[in-house]
PDB file of N, CA and C in Angstrom:
ATOM      1  N   MET A   1     -85.026-181.436  58.659  1.00  0.00           N
ATOM      2  CA  MET A   1     -84.447-182.358  58.400  1.00  0.00           C
ATOM      3  C   MET A   1     -84.522-182.961  57.158  1.00  0.00           C
ATOM      4  N   GLY A   2     -83.486-183.228  56.416  1.00  0.00           N
ATOM      5  CA  GLY A   2     -83.395-183.224  55.021  1.00  0.00           C
ATOM      6  C   GLY A   2     -83.800-185.032  54.767  1.00  0.00           C
ATOM      7  N   GLY A   3     -84.337-184.931  53.357  1.00  0.00           N
ATOM      8  CA  GLY A   3     -84.958-186.659  53.304  1.00  0.00           C
ATOM      9  C   GLY A   3     -84.070-187.364  53.264  1.00  0.00           C
ATOM     10  N   SER A   4     -82.609-187.110  52.770  1.00  0.00           N
ATOM     11  CA  SER A   4     -81.543-188.132  52.712  1.00  0.00           C
ATOM     12  C   SER A   4     -81.004-188.745  53.754  1.00  0.00           C
ATOM     13  N   GLU A   5     -81.367-187.530  54.906  1.00  0.00           N
ATOM     14  CA  GLU A   5     -80.648-188.042  56.217  1.00  0.00           C
ATOM     15  C   GLU A   5     -81.942-188.590  57.044  1.00  0.00           C
ATOM     16  N   LEU A   6     -82.962-188.443  56.471  1.00  0.00           N
ATOM     17  CA  LEU A   6     -84.104-189.515  57.156  1.00  0.00           C
ATOM     18  C   LEU A   6     -84.044-190.852  56.840  1.00  0.00           C
ATOM     19  N   ILE A   7     -83.428-191.059  55.409  1.00  0.00           N
ATOM     20  CA  ILE A   7     -83.240-192.337  54.988  1.00  0.00           C
ATOM     21  C   ILE A   7     -81.990-193.229  55.812  1.00  0.00           C
ATOM     22  N   ALA A   8     -81.082-192.049  55.856  1.00  0.00           N
ATOM     23  CA  ALA A   8     -79.638-192.773  56.246  1.00  0.00           C
ATOM     24  C   ALA A   8     -80.121-193.060  57.883  1.00  0.00           C
ATOM     25  N   LEU A   9     -80.809-192.527  58.485  1.00  0.00           N
ATOM     26  CA  LEU A   9     -81.098-192.738  60.174  1.00  0.00           C
ATOM     27  C   LEU A   9     -81.804-193.905  59.963  1.00  0.00           C
ATOM     28  N   LEU A  10     -82.726-194.221  59.287  1.00  0.00           N
ATOM     29  CA  LEU A  10     -83.430-195.589  59.132  1.00  0.00           C
ATOM     30  C   LEU A  10     -82.651-196.541  58.673  1.00  0.00           C
ATOM     31  N   ASP A  11     -81.854-196.495  58.001  1.00  0.00           N
ATOM     32  CA  ASP A  11     -81.025-197.373  57.361  1.00  0.00           C
ATOM     33  C   ASP A  11     -80.038-198.023  58.555  1.00  0.00           C
ATOM     34  N   GLN A  12     -79.496-196.753  59.240  1.00  0.00           N
ATOM     35  CA  GLN A  12     -78.530-197.074  60.480  1.00  0.00           C
ATOM     36  C   GLN A  12     -79.296-197.566  61.731  1.00  0.00           C
ATOM     37  N   SER A  13     -80.691-197.500  61.637  1.00  0.00           N
ATOM     38  CA  SER A  13     -81.401-197.705  62.855  1.00  0.00           C
ATOM     39  C   SER A  13     -80.990-197.259  64.022  1.00  0.00           C
ATOM     40  N   ASP A  14     -80.819-195.632  63.621  1.00  0.00           N
ATOM     41  CA  ASP A  14     -80.294-194.863  64.832  1.00  0.00           C
ATOM     42  C   ASP A  14     -81.847-194.130  64.917  1.00  0.00           C
ATOM     43  N   TYR A  15     -82.485-194.746  65.795  1.00  0.00           N
ATOM     44  CA  TYR A  15     -84.024-194.587  66.100  1.00  0.00           C
ATOM     45  C   TYR A  15     -84.062-193.049  67.088  1.00  0.00           C
ATOM     46  N   PRO A  16     -82.408-193.313  68.461  1.00  0.00           N
ATOM     47  CA  PRO A  16     -82.896-192.023  69.205  1.00  0.00           C
ATOM     48  C   PRO A  16     -82.625-190.608  68.280  1.00  0.00           C
ATOM     49  N   LEU A  17     -81.310-190.742  67.682  1.00  0.00           N
ATOM     50  CA  LEU A  17     -81.464-189.039  66.689  1.00  0.00           C
ATOM     51  C   LEU A  17     -82.667-189.352  65.690  1.00  0.00           C
ATOM     52  N   LEU A  18     -83.143-190.239  64.898  1.00  0.00           N
ATOM     53  CA  LEU A  18     -84.294-189.951  64.171  1.00  0.00           C
ATOM     54  C   LEU A  18     -85.398-189.469  64.661  1.00  0.00           C
ATOM     55  N   LYS A  19     -85.712-189.953  65.897  1.00  0.00           N
ATOM     56  CA  LYS A  19     -86.765-189.349  66.878  1.00  0.00           C
ATOM     57  C   LYS A  19     -86.465-187.987  67.350  1.00  0.00           C
ATOM     58  N   SER A  20     -85.625-187.520  67.859  1.00  0.00           N
ATOM     59  CA  SER A  20     -85.149-185.966  67.983  1.00  0.00           C
ATOM     60  C   SER A  20     -85.022-185.390  66.804  1.00  0.00           C
ATOM     61  N   ARG A  21     -84.583-185.801  65.529  1.00  0.00           N
ATOM     62  CA  ARG A  21     -84.725-184.934  64.373  1.00  0.00           C
ATOM     63  C   ARG A  21     -86.173-184.811  63.906  1.00  0.00           C
ATOM     64  N   LEU A  22     -87.065-185.983  64.172  1.00  0.00           N
ATOM     65  CA  LEU A  22     -88.422-185.859  63.813  1.00  0.00           C
ATOM     66  C   LEU A  22     -88.721-184.603  64.361  1.00  0.00           C
ATOM     67  N   SER A  23     -88.797-184.263  65.545  1.00  0.00           N
ATOM     68  CA  SER A  23     -89.705-183.099  66.285  1.00  0.00           C
ATOM     69  C   SER A  23     -89.759-181.785  65.171  1.00  0.00           C
ATOM     70  N   GLY A  24     -89.235-181.647  64.286  1.00  0.00           N
ATOM     71  CA  GLY A  24     -89.241-180.702  63.129  1.00  0.00           C
ATOM     72  C   GLY A  24     -90.464-181.198  61.989  1.00  0.00           C
ATOM     73  N   GLY A  25     -90.764-182.018  62.016  1.00  0.00           N
ATOM     74  CA  GLY A  25     -92.099-182.867  61.105  1.00  0.00           C
ATOM     75  C   GLY A  25     -91.208-183.813  60.190  1.00  0.00           C
ATOM     76  N   VAL A  26     -91.823-184.189  59.414  1.00  0.00           N
ATOM     77  CA  VAL A  26     -91.560-185.458  58.620  1.00  0.00           C
ATOM     78  C   VAL A  26     -91.830-184.765  56.899  1.00  0.00           C
ATOM     79  N   PRO A  27     -90.548-185.075  56.393  1.00  0.00           N
ATOM     80  CA  PRO A  27     -90.786-184.199  54.953  1.00  0.00           C
ATOM     81  C   PRO A  27     -91.543-185.299  54.105  1.00  0.00           C
ATOM     82  N   ALA A  28     -92.675-184.513  53.370  1.00  0.00           N
ATOM     83  CA  ALA A  28     -93.514-184.636  52.664  1.00  0.00           C
ATOM     84  C   ALA A  28     -93.053-185.825  51.480  1.00  0.00           C
ATOM     85  N   ALA A  29     -91.878-185.356  50.917  1.00  0.00           N
ATOM     86  CA  ALA A  29     -91.495-185.960  49.839  1.00  0.00           C
ATOM     87  C   ALA A  29     -90.673-186.887  50.081  1.00  0.00           C
ATOM     88  N   GLU A  30     -90.145-187.306  50.914  1.00  0.00           N
ATOM     89  CA  GLU A  30     -89.609-188.505  51.336  1.00  0.00           C
ATOM     90  C   GLU A  30     -90.155-189.475  52.239  1.00  0.00           C
ATOM     91  N   TRP A  31     -91.547-188.959  52.617  1.00  0.00           N
ATOM     92  CA  TRP A  31     -92.783-189.832  53.416  1.00  0.00           C
ATOM     93  C   TRP A  31     -93.157-190.706  52.103  1.00  0.00           C
ATOM     94  N   ARG A  32     -93.033-189.995  51.063  1.00  0.00           N
ATOM     95  CA  ARG A  32     -93.858-190.789  50.022  1.00  0.00           C
ATOM     96  C   ARG A  32     -92.901-191.853  49.205  1.00  0.00           C
ATOM     97  N   LYS A  33     -91.578-191.839  49.712  1.00  0.00           N
ATOM     98  CA  LYS A  33     -90.636-192.926  49.211  1.00  0.00           C
ATOM     99  C   LYS A  33     -90.363-193.969  50.013  1.00  0.00           C
ATOM    100  N   LEU A  34     -90.787-193.818  51.319  1.00  0.00           N
ATOM    101  CA  LEU A  34     -90.670-194.754  52.583  1.00  0.00           C
ATOM    102  C   LEU A  34     -91.570-196.144  51.946  1.00  0.00           C
ATOM    103  N   SER A  35     -91.259-197.306  52.508  1.00  0.00           N
ATOM    104  CA  SER A  35     -91.760-198.874  52.113  1.00  0.00           C
ATOM    105  C   SER A  35     -92.941-198.523  53.500  1.00  0.00           C
ATOM    106  N   PRO A  36     -93.839-199.032  52.930  1.00  0.00           N
ATOM    107  CA  PRO A  36     -94.787-199.550  54.641  1.00  0.00           C
ATOM    108  C   PRO A  36     -94.214-199.736  55.628  1.00  0.00           C
ATOM    109  N   LEU A  37     -93.361-200.597  56.301  1.00  0.00           N
ATOM    110  CA  LEU A  37     -93.017-200.900  57.297  1.00  0.00           C
ATOM    111  C   LEU A  37     -92.346-199.651  57.735  1.00  0.00           C
ATOM    112  N   ARG A  38     -91.295-199.081  56.979  1.00  0.00           N
ATOM    113  CA  ARG A  38     -90.653-197.694  57.537  1.00  0.00           C
ATOM    114  C   ARG A  38     -91.655-196.343  57.705  1.00  0.00           C
ATOM    115  N   LYS A  39     -92.858-196.509  57.085  1.00  0.00           N
ATOM    116  CA  LYS A  39     -93.620-195.194  57.070  1.00  0.00           C
ATOM    117  C   LYS A  39     -94.249-195.428  58.793  1.00  0.00           C
ATOM    118  N   LEU A  40     -94.333-196.947  59.052  1.00  0.00           N
ATOM    119  CA  LEU A  40     -95.221-196.932  60.350  1.00  0.00           C
ATOM    120  C   LEU A  40     -94.070-196.704  61.559  1.00  0.00           C
ATOM    121  N   ALA A  41     -92.615-196.923  61.097  1.00  0.00           N
ATOM    122  CA  ALA A  41     -91.550-196.640  62.415  1.00  0.00           C
ATOM    123  C   ALA A  41     -91.729-195.169  62.423  1.00  0.00           C
ATOM    124  N   VAL A  42     -91.607-194.579  61.420  1.00  0.00           N
ATOM    125  CA  VAL A  42     -91.166-193.171  61.491  1.00  0.00           C
ATOM    126  C   VAL A  42     -92.663-192.418  62.295  1.00  0.00           C
ATOM    127  N   PHE A  43     -93.969-192.744  61.835  1.00  0.00           N
ATOM    128  CA  PHE A  43     -95.058-192.732  62.454  1.00  0.00           C
ATOM    129  C   PHE A  43     -95.065-192.611  64.035  1.00  0.00           C
ATOM    130  N   LYS A  44     -94.611-194.024  64.435  1.00  0.00           N
ATOM    131  CA  LYS A  44     -94.409-194.395  66.122  1.00  0.00           C
ATOM    132  C   LYS A  44     -93.364-193.695  66.480  1.00  0.00           C
ATOM    133  N   LEU A  45     -92.234-192.853  66.046  1.00  0.00           N
ATOM    134  CA  LEU A  45     -91.706-192.225  66.427  1.00  0.00           C
ATOM    135  C   LEU A  45     -91.719-190.654  67.012  1.00  0.00           C
ATOM    136  N   LEU A  46     -92.784-190.239  65.943  1.00  0.00           N
ATOM    137  CA  LEU A  46     -93.365-189.060  66.354  1.00  0.00           C
ATOM    138  C   LEU A  46     -93.945-189.075  67.600  1.00  0.00           C
ATOM    139  N   SER A  47     -94.024-187.693  68.441  1.00  0.00           N
ATOM    140  CA  SER A  47     -94.811-187.733  69.676  1.00  0.00           C
ATOM    141  C   SER A  47     -96.359-187.806  69.437  1.00  0.00           C
ATOM    142  N   PRO A  48     -96.910-188.250  70.509  1.00  0.00           N
ATOM    143  CA  PRO A  48     -98.459-188.356  70.250  1.00  0.00           C
ATOM    144  C   PRO A  48     -98.942-187.477  69.579  1.00  0.00           C
ATOM    145  N   ASP A  49     -98.942-185.734  69.845  1.00  0.00           N
ATOM    146  CA  ASP A  49     -99.393-184.508  69.148  1.00  0.00           C
ATOM    147  C   ASP A  49     -98.962-184.620  67.809  1.00  0.00           C
ATOM    148  N   ALA A  50     -97.860-184.860  67.891  1.00  0.00           N
ATOM    149  CA  ALA A  50     -97.320-184.526  66.041  1.00  0.00           C
ATOM    150  C   ALA A  50     -97.999-185.358  65.512  1.00  0.00           C
ATOM    151  N   ALA A  51     -98.036-186.912  65.863  1.00  0.00           N
ATOM    152  CA  ALA A  51     -98.590-188.163  65.203  1.00  0.00           C
ATOM    153  C   ALA A  51     -99.823-187.847  64.591  1.00  0.00           C
ATOM    154  N   MET A  52    -100.446-187.146  65.381  1.00  0.00           N
ATOM    155  CA  MET A  52    -102.283-187.241  65.208  1.00  0.00           C
ATOM    156  C   MET A  52    -101.886-185.962  64.384  1.00  0.00           C
ATOM    157  N   ALA A  53    -101.327-184.967  64.590  1.00  0.00           N
ATOM    158  CA  ALA A  53    -101.521-183.587  63.305  1.00  0.00           C
ATOM    159  C   ALA A  53    -101.096-184.192  62.290  1.00  0.00           C
ATOM    160  N   PHE A  54     -99.858-184.995  62.021  1.00  0.00           N
ATOM    161  CA  PHE A  54     -99.472-185.610  61.119  1.00  0.00           C
ATOM    162  C   PHE A  54    -100.440-186.398  59.950  1.00  0.00           C
ATOM    163  N   PHE A  55    -101.120-187.519  61.002  1.00  0.00           N
ATOM    164  CA  PHE A  55    -102.255-188.215  60.472  1.00  0.00           C
ATOM    165  C   PHE A  55    -103.316-187.332  59.728  1.00  0.00           C
ATOM    166  N   SER A  56    -103.504-186.332  60.300  1.00  0.00           N
ATOM    167  CA  SER A  56    -104.826-185.677  59.780  1.00  0.00           C
ATOM    168  C   SER A  56    -104.382-185.196  58.661  1.00  0.00           C
ATOM    169  N   LYS A  57    -103.089-185.022  57.922  1.00  0.00           N
ATOM    170  CA  LYS A  57    -102.470-184.660  56.735  1.00  0.00           C
ATOM    171  C   LYS A  57    -102.667-185.696  55.746  1.00  0.00           C
ATOM    172  N   LEU A  58    -102.598-186.943  56.263  1.00  0.00           N
ATOM    173  CA  LEU A  58    -102.077-187.979  55.077  1.00  0.00           C
ATOM    174  C   LEU A  58    -103.511-188.214  54.194  1.00  0.00           C
ATOM    175  N   ASP A  59    -103.204-189.001  53.159  1.00  0.00           N
ATOM    176  CA  ASP A  59    -104.046-188.957  52.405  1.00  0.00           C
ATOM    177  C   ASP A  59    -105.068-190.366  52.324  1.00  0.00           C
ATOM    178  N   PHE A  60    -105.962-190.866  52.284  1.00  0.00           N
ATOM    179  CA  PHE A  60    -106.741-191.932  52.947  1.00  0.00           C
ATOM    180  C   PHE A  60    -105.785-193.129  53.050  1.00  0.00           C
ATOM    181  N   ALA A  61    -104.715-193.574  51.736  1.00  0.00           N
ATOM    182  CA  ALA A  61    -104.070-194.725  51.619  1.00  0.00           C
ATOM    183  C   ALA A  61    -103.206-194.302  53.035  1.00  0.00           C
ATOM    184  N   ASP A  62    -102.638-193.700  53.122  1.00  0.00           N
ATOM    185  CA  ASP A  62    -101.620-193.690  54.398  1.00  0.00           C
ATOM    186  C   ASP A  62    -102.291-193.978  55.667  1.00  0.00           C
ATOM    187  N   LYS A  63    -103.434-192.982  55.545  1.00  0.00           N
ATOM    188  CA  LYS A  63    -104.133-192.958  57.194  1.00  0.00           C
ATOM    189  C   LYS A  63    -104.812-194.538  57.076  1.00  0.00           C
ATOM    190  N   TYR A  64    -105.052-195.372  56.120  1.00  0.00           N
ATOM    191  CA  TYR A  64    -105.398-196.765  56.175  1.00  0.00           C
ATOM    192  C   TYR A  64    -104.378-197.509  56.855  1.00  0.00           C
ATOM    193  N   LEU A  65    -103.158-197.251  56.180  1.00  0.00           N
ATOM    194  CA  LEU A  65    -101.767-197.980  56.688  1.00  0.00           C
ATOM    195  C   LEU A  65    -101.391-198.183  58.203  1.00  0.00           C
ATOM    196  N   ILE A  66    -101.561-196.549  58.413  1.00  0.00           N
ATOM    197  CA  ILE A  66    -101.289-196.183  59.782  1.00  0.00           C
ATOM    198  C   ILE A  66    -102.141-196.867  60.882  1.00  0.00           C
ATOM    199  N   PHE A  67    -103.465-196.741  60.391  1.00  0.00           N
ATOM    200  CA  PHE A  67    -104.583-197.235  61.120  1.00  0.00           C
ATOM    201  C   PHE A  67    -104.423-198.808  61.413  1.00  0.00           C
ATOM    202  N   SER A  68    -103.815-199.392  60.020  1.00  0.00           N
ATOM    203  CA  SER A  68    -104.003-201.183  60.415  1.00  0.00           C
ATOM    204  C   SER A  68    -102.815-201.580  60.925  1.00  0.00           C
ATOM    205  N   GLY A  69    -101.500-200.616  60.962  1.00  0.00           N
ATOM    206  CA  GLY A  69    -100.512-200.969  61.857  1.00  0.00           C
ATOM    207  C   GLY A  69    -100.350-200.180  63.337  1.00  0.00           C
ATOM    208  N   PHE A  70    -101.540-200.011  63.937  1.00  0.00           N
ATOM    209  CA  PHE A  70    -101.934-199.196  64.929  1.00  0.00           C
ATOM    210  C   PHE A  70    -100.908-200.088  66.216  1.00  0.00           C
ATOM    211  N   GLU A  71    -101.293-201.269  66.437  1.00  0.00           N
ATOM    212  CA  GLU A  71    -100.849-202.205  67.362  1.00  0.00           C
ATOM    213  C   GLU A  71     -99.297-201.842  67.300  1.00  0.00           C
ATOM    214  N   HIS A  72     -98.800-201.951  68.571  1.00  0.00           N
ATOM    215  CA  HIS A  72     -97.255-201.869  68.420  1.00  0.00           C
ATOM    216  C   HIS A  72     -96.270-203.051  67.757  1.00  0.00           C
ATOM    217  N   GLY A  73     -97.199-204.355  67.533  1.00  0.00           N
ATOM    218  CA  GLY A  73     -96.149-205.213  66.874  1.00  0.00           C
ATOM    219  C   GLY A  73     -96.694-205.338  65.557  1.00  0.00           C
ATOM    220  N   SER A  74     -96.642-204.163  65.004  1.00  0.00           N
ATOM    221  CA  SER A  74     -96.723-204.019  63.331  1.00  0.00           C
ATOM    222  C   SER A  74     -95.315-203.701  62.938  1.00  0.00           C
ATOM    223  N   ILE A  75     -94.662-203.299  63.934  1.00  0.00           N
ATOM    224  CA  ILE A  75     -93.000-202.701  63.394  1.00  0.00           C
ATOM    225  C   ILE A  75     -92.275-203.829  63.900  1.00  0.00           C
ATOM    226  N   ALA A  76     -92.411-204.759  64.550  1.00  0.00           N
ATOM    227  CA  ALA A  76     -91.947-205.867  65.105  1.00  0.00           C
ATOM    228  C   ALA A  76     -90.510-206.436  64.580  1.00  0.00           C
ATOM    229  N   PRO A  77     -90.649-206.296  63.145  1.00  0.00           N
ATOM    230  CA  PRO A  77     -89.284-206.954  62.117  1.00  0.00           C
ATOM    231  C   PRO A  77     -88.192-205.686  62.623  1.00  0.00           C
ATOM    232  N   LEU A  78     -88.799-204.518  62.874  1.00  0.00           N
ATOM    233  CA  LEU A  78     -87.358-203.276  63.059  1.00  0.00           C
ATOM    234  C   LEU A  78     -87.343-203.412  64.244  1.00  0.00           C
ATOM    235  N   THR A  79     -88.210-203.647  65.349  1.00  0.00           N
ATOM    236  CA  THR A  79     -87.608-203.772  67.235  1.00  0.00           C
ATOM    237  C   THR A  79     -87.092-205.108  67.771  1.00  0.00           C
ATOM    238  N   GLU A  80     -87.267-206.214  67.196  1.00  0.00           N
ATOM    239  CA  GLU A  80     -86.787-207.374  67.241  1.00  0.00           C
ATOM    240  C   GLU A  80     -85.160-207.003  67.622  1.00  0.00           C
ATOM    241  N   GLY A  81     -84.833-207.337  68.616  1.00  0.00           N
ATOM    242  CA  GLY A  81     -83.583-207.285  69.309  1.00  0.00           C
ATOM    243  C   GLY A  81     -82.701-206.231  69.351  1.00  0.00           C
ATOM    244  N   LEU A  82     -83.853-205.016  69.721  1.00  0.00           N
ATOM    245  CA  LEU A  82     -83.433-203.952  70.165  1.00  0.00           C
ATOM    246  C   LEU A  82     -83.195-203.896  71.621  1.00  0.00           C
ATOM    247  N   PRO A  83     -82.770-203.711  72.479  1.00  0.00           N
ATOM    248  CA  PRO A  83     -82.715-203.248  73.793  1.00  0.00           C
ATOM    249  C   PRO A  83     -83.811-202.582  74.204  1.00  0.00           C
ATOM    250  N   PRO A  84     -84.477-202.753  74.981  1.00  0.00           N
ATOM    251  CA  PRO A  84     -85.845-202.399  75.757  1.00  0.00           C
ATOM    252  C   PRO A  84     -85.672-200.798  75.728  1.00  0.00           C
ATOM    253  N   GLY A  85     -84.916-199.848  76.023  1.00  0.00           N
ATOM    254  CA  GLY A  85     -84.539-198.700  75.727  1.00  0.00           C
ATOM    255  C   GLY A  85     -84.381-197.713  74.523  1.00  0.00           C
ATOM    256  N   ARG A  86     -84.405-198.797  73.492  1.00  0.00           N
ATOM    257  CA  ARG A  86     -84.293-198.699  71.878  1.00  0.00           C
ATOM    258  C   ARG A  86     -85.800-198.589  71.703  1.00  0.00           C
ATOM    259  N   ARG A  87     -86.668-199.735  72.285  1.00  0.00           N
ATOM    260  CA  ARG A  87     -88.167-200.175  71.793  1.00  0.00           C
ATOM    261  C   ARG A  87     -89.008-199.081  72.146  1.00  0.00           C
ATOM    262  N   ALA A  88     -88.686-198.471  73.403  1.00  0.00           N
ATOM    263  CA  ALA A  88     -89.463-197.766  74.238  1.00  0.00           C
ATOM    264  C   ALA A  88     -89.694-196.191  73.399  1.00  0.00           C
ATOM    265  N   LEU A  89     -88.382-195.896  72.603  1.00  0.00           N
ATOM    266  CA  LEU A  89     -88.542-194.829  71.637  1.00  0.00           C
ATOM    267  C   LEU A  89     -89.806-194.941  70.894  1.00  0.00           C
ATOM    268  N   PHE A  90     -90.317-195.951  70.498  1.00  0.00           N
ATOM    269  CA  PHE A  90     -91.543-196.237  69.607  1.00  0.00           C
ATOM    270  C   PHE A  90     -92.590-195.700  70.559  1.00  0.00           C
ATOM    271  N   GLU A  91     -93.518-194.533  70.260  1.00  0.00           N
ATOM    272  CA  GLU A  91     -94.624-194.036  70.747  1.00  0.00           C
ATOM    273  C   GLU A  91     -95.982-195.339  70.807  1.00  0.00           C
ATOM    274  N   LYS A  92     -96.584-195.720  71.966  1.00  0.00           N
ATOM    275  CA  LYS A  92     -97.583-196.205  72.012  1.00  0.00           C
ATOM    276  C   LYS A  92     -98.963-195.316  71.981  1.00  0.00           C
ATOM    277  N   LEU A  93     -99.735-195.210  70.965  1.00  0.00           N
ATOM    278  CA  LEU A  93    -100.841-194.255  71.016  1.00  0.00           C
ATOM    279  C   LEU A  93    -102.120-195.089  71.796  1.00  0.00           C
ATOM    280  N   GLY A  94    -102.739-194.291  72.552  1.00  0.00           N
ATOM    281  CA  GLY A  94    -104.090-194.660  73.125  1.00  0.00           C
ATOM    282  C   GLY A  94    -105.329-194.758  72.690  1.00  0.00           C
ATOM    283  N   SER A  95    -106.309-195.002  73.445  1.00  0.00           N
ATOM    284  CA  SER A  95    -107.783-195.300  72.373  1.00  0.00           C
ATOM    285  C   SER A  95    -108.224-194.067  72.135  1.00  0.00           C
ATOM    286  N   ASP A  96    -107.656-192.834  72.513  1.00  0.00           N
ATOM    287  CA  ASP A  96    -108.400-192.088  72.070  1.00  0.00           C
ATOM    288  C   ASP A  96    -107.989-191.636  70.764  1.00  0.00           C
ATOM    289  N   ALA A  97    -106.373-191.817  70.517  1.00  0.00           N
ATOM    290  CA  ALA A  97    -106.277-191.514  69.132  1.00  0.00           C
ATOM    291  C   ALA A  97    -106.440-192.785  68.286  1.00  0.00           C
ATOM    292  N   TYR A  98    -106.690-194.160  68.809  1.00  0.00           N
ATOM    293  CA  TYR A  98    -107.147-194.867  67.949  1.00  0.00           C
ATOM    294  C   TYR A  98    -108.892-194.286  67.505  1.00  0.00           C
ATOM    295  N   GLY A  99    -109.586-194.074  68.264  1.00  0.00           N
ATOM    296  CA  GLY A  99    -111.015-193.445  67.875  1.00  0.00           C
ATOM    297  C   GLY A  99    -111.020-192.170  67.105  1.00  0.00           C
ATOM    298  N   GLU A 100    -109.937-191.431  67.301  1.00  0.00           N
ATOM    299  CA  GLU A 100    -109.889-190.202  66.222  1.00  0.00           C
ATOM    300  C   GLU A 100    -109.543-190.628  65.031  1.00  0.00           C
ATOM    301  N   MET A 101    -108.190-191.504  64.840  1.00  0.00           N
ATOM    302  CA  MET A 101    -107.871-192.057  63.570  1.00  0.00           C
ATOM    303  C   MET A 101    -108.910-192.699  62.898  1.00  0.00           C
ATOM    304  N   LEU A 102    -109.851-193.622  63.544  1.00  0.00           N
ATOM    305  CA  LEU A 102    -111.028-194.366  62.869  1.00  0.00           C
ATOM    306  C   LEU A 102    -112.088-193.340  62.422  1.00  0.00           C
ATOM    307  N   ARG A 103    -112.473-192.234  63.142  1.00  0.00           N
ATOM    308  CA  ARG A 103    -113.479-190.921  62.929  1.00  0.00           C
ATOM    309  C   ARG A 103    -113.092-190.453  61.357  1.00  0.00           C
ATOM    310  N   GLN A 104    -111.360-190.493  61.362  1.00  0.00           N
ATOM    311  CA  GLN A 104    -110.957-189.487  60.099  1.00  0.00           C
ATOM    312  C   GLN A 104    -111.274-190.466  58.558  1.00  0.00           C
ATOM    313  N   LEU A 105    -110.682-191.715  58.835  1.00  0.00           N
ATOM    314  CA  LEU A 105    -110.764-192.830  58.143  1.00  0.00           C
ATOM    315  C   LEU A 105    -112.629-192.804  57.609  1.00  0.00           C
ATOM    316  N   SER A 106    -113.296-192.622  58.266  1.00  0.00           N
ATOM    317  CA  SER A 106    -114.919-192.644  58.265  1.00  0.00           C
ATOM    318  C   SER A 106    -115.426-191.505  57.574  1.00  0.00           C
ATOM    319  N   ALA A 107    -114.607-190.377  57.950  1.00  0.00           N
ATOM    320  CA  ALA A 107    -115.229-189.330  57.152  1.00  0.00           C
ATOM    321  C   ALA A 107    -115.531-189.239  55.775  1.00  0.00           C
TER     322      ALA A 107
END
């Protein structure tokens, strides 16, 4: 996925297409251009395995952002008003992921 496509899909709130496009990963250059809220949204659209693999590659500031936004409500400004099917596209990681994130932040 090209970076301009990532931003365009976020601008259009086309989360189903964005989720499918993210199966190939997140372009690092475009990730750095995203606002914190958009970073959280992109992260939560990744599959759990892809999300944790991506998390391990992030710098401390982005790891802290993702960890701080772990709760699903952190992206409420983006999901408010979406039909339940669209809200369900955003992954809810479990306690194992939370523990691994905390371990990586503490390392």
